[in-house]
Amino acid sequence: LLREGIEADAIHGNKAQSARTRTLAQFKAGSLRVLVATDIAARGLDIEALPHVVNYDMPHVAEDYVHRIGRTGRAGVEGEAVSLVSPEERPLLAAIERLMNRKVESRAVTGFQAAGPRTAPPHRPHSRPAHQPAQQPQPRPASRRSRAHEPRLGALLGKRI
């Protein structure tokens, strides 16, 4: 998101509570356009006039979907929930529709390709000749990130948030 010029930050369980509170305050103040939150970090959030909730992946428990989308459209204010659903997640969507006793509007996104599941690279022990000292690990530049889900991001960015 940042690479695309969208002011965004995230809250999750690995972030200190003070950092989560600061990020949430920035979002509420309007200095962040996008707040990315894990299910656990999002529980209990009360954000007035939240216009959109985007489900990047579908929850495995249908009730969690209701909690997620319940963050938008409160107190008579319009809101929209958008879910990116891969073919493998269609059974999860069907379970949500059964729970809500209604169909969820769906449409195909041209060019959307679901990323495959992320797996850890195979463990390869480092071997070095006994006479060479071990090198200190070098910190990775902040710009190096996993790109496993970029096709989804590209589909999402087709409609600017």
Foldseek 3Di string as FASTA:
>chain_A
DVVVVAFEDEDEDVDDPVVLVVRVVCVLVPVHVYYHYDLVSCPPDAHPAPAEQEAAEFDQDLVSVVVRVVNHCPPNHHHYYHYDYDPVCVVVQVVNCVVVVHHDDDDDQPQADAFDDDDDPDDDDDDDDPVDDDDDDDDDDPPDDDCRGVSSVVSVPVPPD
